[in-house]
């Protein structure tokens, strides 16, 4: 098992952020049927863009969370929602 960590960012709205807070910042809530994909991204700027363009218009505010996962877990699981931004920056 690797000790290396990979940082991911997750754009989120206020309701989801409150559920994460209620878990003492340890878990994301279960996915909603209409949003089945957990969508972390590899770049903070891209997460900000998503929060601004997607979350804020719908709820009045958008947040960006940052968290780390073991790098070997990311590779093993392939995190299907962990997509780079269009510029490909990390």
Protein backbone atom coordinates (compact mmCIF):
# COMPACT_ATOMS: atom_id res chain seq x y z
CA UNK A 1 0.00 0.00 0.00
CA UNK A 2 1.29 3.41 -0.98
CA UNK A 3 1.53 6.33 1.43
CA UNK A 4 1.20 8.81 -1.44
CA UNK A 5 -1.92 10.94 -1.58
CA UNK A 6 -3.74 12.52 -4.50
CA UNK A 7 -5.68 15.73 -3.97
CA UNK A 8 -9.13 15.97 -5.55
CA UNK A 9 -11.65 18.81 -5.60
CA UNK A 10 -15.41 18.50 -5.53
CA UNK A 11 -17.79 21.30 -6.50
CA UNK A 12 -20.92 21.13 -4.35
CA UNK A 13 -24.02 23.00 -3.35
CA UNK A 14 -25.09 24.03 0.16
CA UNK A 15 -27.36 21.04 0.86
CA UNK A 16 -24.70 18.48 0.01
CA UNK A 17 -22.07 20.44 1.94
CA UNK A 18 -24.31 20.39 5.02
CA UNK A 19 -24.59 16.59 4.78
CA UNK A 20 -20.80 16.33 4.58
CA UNK A 21 -20.52 18.57 7.65
CA UNK A 22 -23.00 16.35 9.52
CA UNK A 23 -20.70 13.40 8.82
CA UNK A 24 -17.94 15.37 10.59
CA UNK A 25 -16.30 15.92 7.19
CA UNK A 26 -15.64 12.18 6.74
CA UNK A 27 -18.13 11.07 4.08
CA UNK A 28 -20.08 12.18 1.07
CA UNK A 29 -23.82 11.49 1.14
CA UNK A 30 -25.27 8.74 -1.05
CA UNK A 31 -25.78 9.77 -4.64
CA UNK A 32 -29.21 10.92 -5.75
CA UNK A 33 -30.96 8.90 -8.49
CA UNK A 34 -30.82 11.90 -10.81
CA UNK A 35 -27.10 12.42 -10.03
CA UNK A 36 -25.63 8.91 -9.85
CA UNK A 37 -22.00 9.89 -10.54
CA UNK A 38 -19.69 11.21 -7.84
CA UNK A 39 -17.74 13.86 -9.74
CA UNK A 40 -14.43 14.93 -8.19
CA UNK A 41 -11.99 16.74 -10.45
CA UNK A 42 -8.21 16.94 -10.55
CA UNK A 43 -7.89 20.71 -10.72
CA UNK A 44 -9.08 23.42 -8.33
CA UNK A 45 -9.68 25.99 -11.08
CA UNK A 46 -11.97 23.57 -12.90
CA UNK A 47 -13.86 22.82 -9.68
CA UNK A 48 -14.34 26.58 -9.16
CA UNK A 49 -15.67 26.91 -12.69
CA UNK A 50 -18.18 24.09 -12.12
CA UNK A 51 -19.28 25.52 -8.75
CA UNK A 52 -19.73 28.96 -10.29
CA UNK A 53 -21.45 27.85 -13.50
CA UNK A 54 -23.50 24.91 -12.21
CA UNK A 55 -24.05 25.07 -8.44
CA UNK A 56 -24.35 28.82 -7.87
CA UNK A 57 -27.13 29.48 -10.40
CA UNK A 58 -29.21 26.63 -8.96
CA UNK A 59 -28.78 27.29 -5.25
CA UNK A 60 -27.42 30.82 -5.03
CA UNK A 61 -23.99 29.64 -3.89
CA UNK A 62 -21.39 27.07 -4.91
CA UNK A 63 -18.59 25.60 -2.84
CA UNK A 64 -15.40 23.75 -3.68
CA UNK A 65 -14.17 21.10 -1.29
CA UNK A 66 -10.71 19.60 -1.28
CA UNK A 67 -9.86 16.13 -0.06
CA UNK A 68 -7.19 13.52 -0.48
CA UNK A 69 -7.33 9.85 -1.34
CA UNK A 70 -4.56 7.30 -1.33
CA UNK A 71 -3.03 7.35 -4.79
CA UNK A 72 -3.15 3.56 -5.05
CA UNK A 73 -6.91 3.65 -4.31
CA UNK A 74 -7.47 6.16 -7.07
CA UNK A 75 -5.63 4.00 -9.57
CA UNK A 76 -7.32 0.80 -8.40
CA UNK A 77 -10.81 2.31 -8.46
CA UNK A 78 -10.20 4.50 -11.54
CA UNK A 79 -12.51 7.11 -10.00
CA UNK A 80 -14.77 7.40 -13.05
CA UNK A 81 -15.77 10.94 -12.11
CA UNK A 82 -12.22 12.18 -11.55
CA UNK A 83 -11.88 14.06 -14.78
CA UNK A 84 -9.23 16.63 -15.61
CA UNK A 85 -10.22 20.09 -16.70
CA UNK A 86 -10.19 20.96 -20.40
CA UNK A 87 -6.69 22.43 -20.12
CA UNK A 88 -5.43 19.19 -18.56
CA UNK A 89 -3.75 20.95 -15.61
CA UNK A 90 -3.28 19.12 -12.32
